[in-house]
Every structure is written in C-alpha cells, then in structure tokens.
Amino acid sequence: MKKQINVLIVEDEPIFCNYLKDLLNRHAYEFGVVEFKHKIAHTCSDALKLIHQSVNSNPFDLVFLDISIPPSKIDKIYSGEDLGEEIRKFFTKTIITVITNINCNYRINNLIANINPEGLIIKTDVDGEDLKKAIKSVFNLNTYYSRSVLKVLRKQITCNIKLDKIDRDILYFISQGYKMKDIIKEVHLSISGLESRKRKLKDLFQIENGGDKKLIERAQFHGFI
C-alpha cells in the first residue's frame, strides 16, 4: 500500500478535473493508495510552474495530461504534447496518462513517439470503469491504450507522418498569422531552412497545389494544431 501519490491534472475543463479527482479519491484503496495529493493546471503556463516547483521538492508520481490546452508562448510550449516532452525531461519515473479528444491516427502515433505515455485514452472512449482500469494498469507498470487508440494502431502499424517540435511550432505560428521574419526568430531557422521545412510539410500532407492556408487546413484536419 502506497501512502501518498502526488498527482498533476493538466486539463482545461474544470468539470473533468473534478471528475478525475473524485474518481481517484473514491477508489484510492482499490489502487493501493492511502491518499492522493492533487495539483491542477488549466494551461501550459500553469502546468510548467507546478512542474518546476516540484523538481526539488515533491516530484509528481502521476500526470493526467490533456493535449488541447492553452499554450505558453513565452516558454514555447504550445500544446499538451510539448508539455509531455518537458515532463519527460524532468521526471523519468513519472507515469503520464494522456486523456484527449483528439482521435486521429497521425496525431496518436506522434503522441506515442514523442511522449511514450504509459496511458493514452480518447475521452469519447471512457467511463469510470475504463479510467479505473487505466489507472490500475499504469500503476502496475503496464501500458494502457483505450479502444480507439488500439483500433488506430491495428490499422496502421507504422505512420508515414511524424512531426518534430520544429514542424509543430511552424504550423502553430503560421496558424496564428505570424509573418516569415517572426517565425524565423522563433524557430531559429534561416529563410531557406524555413522554406525547406514548409515544402516537406506540404509533401507529408500530400498538398500539390495551395499555400499556407491549405497547409493549415490539412494540419488542423489531422489534429496537429
């Protein structure tokens, strides 16, 4: 029986935050835990502050991570996916369970490749029993994928599209209306380097004709931004 588990919930929907807290508290004994200590962040910025504060004090044992949360432009963390990579840098033993509305084979494969979460759950899959199973599974050092994730992985063993952080940043800045000169400063690329990345992105998304608008539409369709 573990006495205390430090939990960080990164989620911009207060109702779902409370649902997770209540589920953990009601079933603590089933999970082999005496007490859960919760911290909640509704934005990337809030989550980063809590993560940095906990590095030298009480590291998080378990993180529930949403992907579509407000970004932190100052810290260059634009989604829960970026945040997950940051958590991995600080806490190698922390259990990360991603809970998201994103149900896209491209994005799911990127989440697994870039974060490698112990749990990956699509919100439309879950009820209380699913979450209980997921928590028990990751506590026992097993990986838990919800049924939609498993369906995607069965259909597509390998993914032809994989975006790194620079690719995702470029797409985000374009979608926000940044000009070329501003994007170059943010991602530390030359003009030719940026143009090369954009050409590669258009090839990956199979865009033969069309400018940035078409690129962003395709990236949004696949859930990258």
Foldseek 3Di string as FASTA:
>chain_A
DAEEAEEEEAAQDVVVVVVVVVLCVVCVVVLVYNYYHYDYHQALVRVVVVCVVCLPPPHHQEYEFEWPGCYDVVVLGHTSLSVLLVSCVRDVNHAYAYEYQQQFLQVLVQSCVRRVHLHYEHNVQDDSVLVVVCSSQVSVVHRYYGPSSVVSCVVDVDDPDHDDSLLLLLLVCVVVVHDLVVNCVVSVDDSVRSVVSVVVLCVSLVPPDDDSVVSNVSCVVRPSD
